[in-house]
Amino acid sequence: MTVASIEHIEIDDAGVARIVGKRTKVIQIVMDWMANGWTPEEIHTQYPRLSLSQIHAAFAYYYDHQEELDAAIKRDLQDAESLRGAAGDSPVVERLRQSGKLA
Protein backbone atom coordinates (compact mmCIF):
# COMPACT_ATOMS: atom_id res chain seq x y z
CA MET A 1 0.00 0.00 0.00
CA THR A 2 1.22 3.49 -0.85
CA VAL A 3 0.62 6.29 1.63
CA ALA A 4 -0.67 9.49 0.05
CA SER A 5 0.90 12.66 1.35
CA ILE A 6 -0.82 16.02 1.37
CA GLU A 7 0.01 17.02 -2.17
CA HIS A 8 -0.71 20.76 -1.94
CA ILE A 9 1.59 21.44 1.04
CA GLU A 10 5.35 22.00 1.06
CA ILE A 11 7.75 22.73 3.88
CA ASP A 12 10.12 25.59 3.10
CA ASP A 13 13.78 25.85 4.14
CA ALA A 14 12.74 27.47 7.43
CA GLY A 15 10.44 24.56 8.24
CA VAL A 16 7.24 26.52 7.54
CA ALA A 17 4.32 24.71 5.90
CA ARG A 18 3.06 26.59 2.84
CA ILE A 19 0.71 26.03 -0.06
CA VAL A 20 2.81 24.64 -2.94
CA GLY A 21 3.84 27.41 -5.32
CA LYS A 22 2.33 30.15 -3.14
CA ARG A 23 3.58 32.37 -0.36
CA THR A 24 0.55 31.52 1.78
CA LYS A 25 1.37 29.74 5.02
CA VAL A 26 -0.85 26.99 6.37
CA ILE A 27 -0.88 28.82 9.69
CA GLN A 28 -2.38 31.94 7.98
CA ILE A 29 -5.34 29.92 6.75
CA VAL A 30 -5.82 28.28 10.14
CA MET A 31 -5.64 31.60 11.98
CA ASP A 32 -8.24 33.13 9.63
CA TRP A 33 -10.50 30.19 10.41
CA MET A 34 -9.89 30.55 14.17
CA ALA A 35 -10.27 34.34 14.27
CA ASN A 36 -13.17 34.74 11.85
CA GLY A 37 -14.90 31.37 11.86
CA TRP A 38 -14.68 31.27 8.07
CA THR A 39 -15.64 28.12 6.19
CA PRO A 40 -13.29 26.84 3.46
CA GLU A 41 -15.58 28.53 0.92
CA GLU A 42 -15.33 31.86 2.76
CA ILE A 43 -11.56 31.48 2.97
CA HIS A 44 -11.58 30.86 -0.80
CA THR A 45 -13.45 34.16 -1.24
CA GLN A 46 -10.72 35.93 0.77
CA TYR A 47 -7.90 34.04 -1.00
CA PRO A 48 -9.26 33.56 -4.55
CA ARG A 49 -5.83 32.54 -5.81
CA LEU A 50 -6.09 29.38 -3.67
CA SER A 51 -8.23 26.46 -4.76
CA LEU A 52 -10.61 24.76 -2.37
CA SER A 53 -8.43 21.66 -2.56
CA GLN A 54 -5.42 23.73 -1.43
CA ILE A 55 -7.44 25.17 1.46
CA HIS A 56 -8.68 21.75 2.52
CA ALA A 57 -5.11 20.44 2.27
CA ALA A 58 -4.04 23.21 4.67
CA PHE A 59 -6.65 22.01 7.17
CA ALA A 60 -5.59 18.38 6.69
CA TYR A 61 -1.99 19.41 7.43
CA TYR A 62 -3.15 21.40 10.46
CA TYR A 63 -5.06 18.45 11.92
CA ASP A 64 -2.07 16.17 11.32
CA HIS A 65 0.21 18.69 13.12
CA GLN A 66 -2.28 20.44 15.40
CA GLU A 67 -0.23 20.44 18.61
CA GLU A 68 2.82 21.89 16.87
CA LEU A 69 0.85 24.55 14.96
CA ASP A 70 -1.25 25.54 17.97
CA ALA A 71 1.98 26.09 19.92
CA ALA A 72 3.36 28.23 17.06
CA ILE A 73 0.15 30.28 16.97
CA LYS A 74 0.33 30.82 20.73
CA ARG A 75 3.99 31.94 20.47
CA ASP A 76 3.16 34.32 17.60
CA LEU A 77 0.31 35.89 19.57
CA GLN A 78 2.50 36.29 22.66
CA ASP A 79 5.27 37.86 20.55
CA ALA A 80 2.79 40.28 18.95
CA GLU A 81 1.40 41.27 22.35
CA SER A 82 4.91 41.81 23.68
CA LEU A 83 5.86 43.99 20.71
CA ARG A 84 2.61 45.94 21.02
CA GLY A 85 3.34 46.64 24.69
CA ALA A 86 6.93 47.63 23.99
CA ALA A 87 5.89 49.99 21.18
CA GLY A 88 3.64 52.07 23.39
CA ASP A 89 0.99 54.39 22.04
CA SER A 90 1.18 55.75 18.53
CA PRO A 91 1.62 59.51 18.05
CA VAL A 92 -2.03 59.75 16.97
CA VAL A 93 -3.24 58.06 20.16
CA GLU A 94 -1.00 60.36 22.21
CA ARG A 95 -2.44 63.48 20.51
CA LEU A 96 -6.00 62.25 21.03
CA ARG A 97 -5.28 61.52 24.68
CA GLN A 98 -3.69 64.95 25.19
CA SER A 99 -6.61 66.67 23.51
CA GLY A 100 -9.02 64.86 25.83
CA LYS A 101 -10.73 63.03 22.99
CA LEU A 102 -9.45 59.67 24.25
CA ALA A 103 -9.58 58.50 27.83
C-alpha atoms as a PDB file:
ATOM      1  CA  MET A   1       0.000   0.000   0.000  1.00  0.00           C
ATOM      2  CA  THR A   2       1.218   3.489  -0.853  1.00  0.00           C
ATOM      3  CA  VAL A   3       0.616   6.288   1.630  1.00  0.00           C
ATOM      4  CA  ALA A   4      -0.669   9.485   0.053  1.00  0.00           C
ATOM      5  CA  SER A   5       0.895  12.661   1.350  1.00  0.00           C
ATOM      6  CA  ILE A   6      -0.819  16.024   1.371  1.00  0.00           C
ATOM      7  CA  GLU A   7       0.005  17.019  -2.171  1.00  0.00           C
ATOM      8  CA  HIS A   8      -0.714  20.756  -1.938  1.00  0.00           C
ATOM      9  CA  ILE A   9       1.589  21.437   1.040  1.00  0.00           C
ATOM     10  CA  GLU A  10       5.349  21.996   1.059  1.00  0.00           C
ATOM     11  CA  ILE A  11       7.753  22.726   3.883  1.00  0.00           C
ATOM     12  CA  ASP A  12      10.124  25.593   3.096  1.00  0.00           C
ATOM     13  CA  ASP A  13      13.779  25.846   4.135  1.00  0.00           C
ATOM     14  CA  ALA A  14      12.745  27.472   7.429  1.00  0.00           C
ATOM     15  CA  GLY A  15      10.438  24.558   8.245  1.00  0.00           C
ATOM     16  CA  VAL A  16       7.244  26.517   7.535  1.00  0.00           C
ATOM     17  CA  ALA A  17       4.322  24.708   5.897  1.00  0.00           C
ATOM     18  CA  ARG A  18       3.062  26.592   2.836  1.00  0.00           C
ATOM     19  CA  ILE A  19       0.715  26.026  -0.065  1.00  0.00           C
ATOM     20  CA  VAL A  20       2.811  24.638  -2.942  1.00  0.00           C
ATOM     21  CA  GLY A  21       3.839  27.413  -5.320  1.00  0.00           C
ATOM     22  CA  LYS A  22       2.330  30.149  -3.143  1.00  0.00           C
ATOM     23  CA  ARG A  23       3.584  32.374  -0.359  1.00  0.00           C
ATOM     24  CA  THR A  24       0.552  31.520   1.781  1.00  0.00           C
ATOM     25  CA  LYS A  25       1.368  29.739   5.023  1.00  0.00           C
ATOM     26  CA  VAL A  26      -0.855  26.987   6.372  1.00  0.00           C
ATOM     27  CA  ILE A  27      -0.879  28.823   9.687  1.00  0.00           C
ATOM     28  CA  GLN A  28      -2.381  31.943   7.982  1.00  0.00           C
ATOM     29  CA  ILE A  29      -5.337  29.923   6.747  1.00  0.00           C
ATOM     30  CA  VAL A  30      -5.815  28.284  10.137  1.00  0.00           C
ATOM     31  CA  MET A  31      -5.635  31.604  11.981  1.00  0.00           C
ATOM     32  CA  ASP A  32      -8.239  33.134   9.631  1.00  0.00           C
ATOM     33  CA  TRP A  33     -10.504  30.190  10.412  1.00  0.00           C
ATOM     34  CA  MET A  34      -9.890  30.551  14.170  1.00  0.00           C
ATOM     35  CA  ALA A  35     -10.265  34.343  14.269  1.00  0.00           C
ATOM     36  CA  ASN A  36     -13.169  34.745  11.848  1.00  0.00           C
ATOM     37  CA  GLY A  37     -14.895  31.375  11.862  1.00  0.00           C
ATOM     38  CA  TRP A  38     -14.678  31.266   8.069  1.00  0.00           C
ATOM     39  CA  THR A  39     -15.637  28.120   6.188  1.00  0.00           C
ATOM     40  CA  PRO A  40     -13.292  26.837   3.463  1.00  0.00           C
ATOM     41  CA  GLU A  41     -15.576  28.527   0.921  1.00  0.00           C
ATOM     42  CA  GLU A  42     -15.333  31.863   2.760  1.00  0.00           C
ATOM     43  CA  ILE A  43     -11.560  31.484   2.967  1.00  0.00           C
ATOM     44  CA  HIS A  44     -11.576  30.855  -0.795  1.00  0.00           C
ATOM     45  CA  THR A  45     -13.448  34.158  -1.242  1.00  0.00           C
ATOM     46  CA  GLN A  46     -10.720  35.927   0.766  1.00  0.00           C
ATOM     47  CA  TYR A  47      -7.904  34.043  -1.002  1.00  0.00           C
ATOM     48  CA  PRO A  48      -9.258  33.564  -4.546  1.00  0.00           C
ATOM     49  CA  ARG A  49      -5.827  32.542  -5.811  1.00  0.00           C
ATOM     50  CA  LEU A  50      -6.088  29.379  -3.672  1.00  0.00           C
ATOM     51  CA  SER A  51      -8.226  26.462  -4.764  1.00  0.00           C
ATOM     52  CA  LEU A  52     -10.614  24.759  -2.374  1.00  0.00           C
ATOM     53  CA  SER A  53      -8.425  21.657  -2.559  1.00  0.00           C
ATOM     54  CA  GLN A  54      -5.417  23.726  -1.431  1.00  0.00           C
ATOM     55  CA  ILE A  55      -7.436  25.174   1.457  1.00  0.00           C
ATOM     56  CA  HIS A  56      -8.684  21.748   2.525  1.00  0.00           C
ATOM     57  CA  ALA A  57      -5.111  20.438   2.274  1.00  0.00           C
ATOM     58  CA  ALA A  58      -4.036  23.210   4.666  1.00  0.00           C
ATOM     59  CA  PHE A  59      -6.650  22.006   7.166  1.00  0.00           C
ATOM     60  CA  ALA A  60      -5.586  18.378   6.692  1.00  0.00           C
ATOM     61  CA  TYR A  61      -1.991  19.409   7.429  1.00  0.00           C
ATOM     62  CA  TYR A  62      -3.151  21.395  10.459  1.00  0.00           C
ATOM     63  CA  TYR A  63      -5.056  18.449  11.919  1.00  0.00           C
ATOM     64  CA  ASP A  64      -2.067  16.167  11.321  1.00  0.00           C
ATOM     65  CA  HIS A  65       0.214  18.692  13.120  1.00  0.00           C
ATOM     66  CA  GLN A  66      -2.284  20.442  15.401  1.00  0.00           C
ATOM     67  CA  GLU A  67      -0.235  20.436  18.606  1.00  0.00           C
ATOM     68  CA  GLU A  68       2.819  21.890  16.868  1.00  0.00           C
ATOM     69  CA  LEU A  69       0.854  24.554  14.959  1.00  0.00           C
ATOM     70  CA  ASP A  70      -1.253  25.541  17.975  1.00  0.00           C
ATOM     71  CA  ALA A  71       1.981  26.092  19.923  1.00  0.00           C
ATOM     72  CA  ALA A  72       3.358  28.226  17.065  1.00  0.00           C
ATOM     73  CA  ILE A  73       0.152  30.283  16.968  1.00  0.00           C
ATOM     74  CA  LYS A  74       0.331  30.816  20.726  1.00  0.00           C
ATOM     75  CA  ARG A  75       3.986  31.941  20.466  1.00  0.00           C
ATOM     76  CA  ASP A  76       3.158  34.319  17.598  1.00  0.00           C
ATOM     77  CA  LEU A  77       0.308  35.890  19.569  1.00  0.00           C
ATOM     78  CA  GLN A  78       2.501  36.289  22.656  1.00  0.00           C
ATOM     79  CA  ASP A  79       5.267  37.857  20.546  1.00  0.00           C
ATOM     80  CA  ALA A  80       2.790  40.279  18.954  1.00  0.00           C
ATOM     81  CA  GLU A  81       1.398  41.266  22.347  1.00  0.00           C
ATOM     82  CA  SER A  82       4.911  41.806  23.685  1.00  0.00           C
ATOM     83  CA  LEU A  83       5.858  43.989  20.709  1.00  0.00           C
ATOM     84  CA  ARG A  84       2.605  45.937  21.024  1.00  0.00           C
ATOM     85  CA  GLY A  85       3.337  46.635  24.692  1.00  0.00           C
ATOM     86  CA  ALA A  86       6.934  47.633  23.989  1.00  0.00           C
ATOM     87  CA  ALA A  87       5.894  49.993  21.175  1.00  0.00           C
ATOM     88  CA  GLY A  88       3.644  52.074  23.393  1.00  0.00           C
ATOM     89  CA  ASP A  89       0.991  54.386  22.036  1.00  0.00           C
ATOM     90  CA  SER A  90       1.181  55.748  18.526  1.00  0.00           C
ATOM     91  CA  PRO A  91       1.616  59.513  18.047  1.00  0.00           C
ATOM     92  CA  VAL A  92      -2.035  59.747  16.974  1.00  0.00           C
ATOM     93  CA  VAL A  93      -3.243  58.060  20.160  1.00  0.00           C
ATOM     94  CA  GLU A  94      -1.003  60.359  22.211  1.00  0.00           C
ATOM     95  CA  ARG A  95      -2.437  63.484  20.510  1.00  0.00           C
ATOM     96  CA  LEU A  96      -5.996  62.247  21.030  1.00  0.00           C
ATOM     97  CA  ARG A  97      -5.282  61.522  24.678  1.00  0.00           C
ATOM     98  CA  GLN A  98      -3.685  64.955  25.191  1.00  0.00           C
ATOM     99  CA  SER A  99      -6.609  66.669  23.507  1.00  0.00           C
ATOM    100  CA  GLY A 100      -9.018  64.860  25.830  1.00  0.00           C
ATOM    101  CA  LYS A 101     -10.729  63.026  22.986  1.00  0.00           C
ATOM    102  CA  LEU A 102      -9.449  59.666  24.252  1.00  0.00           C
ATOM    103  CA  ALA A 103      -9.580  58.501  27.835  1.00  0.00           C
END
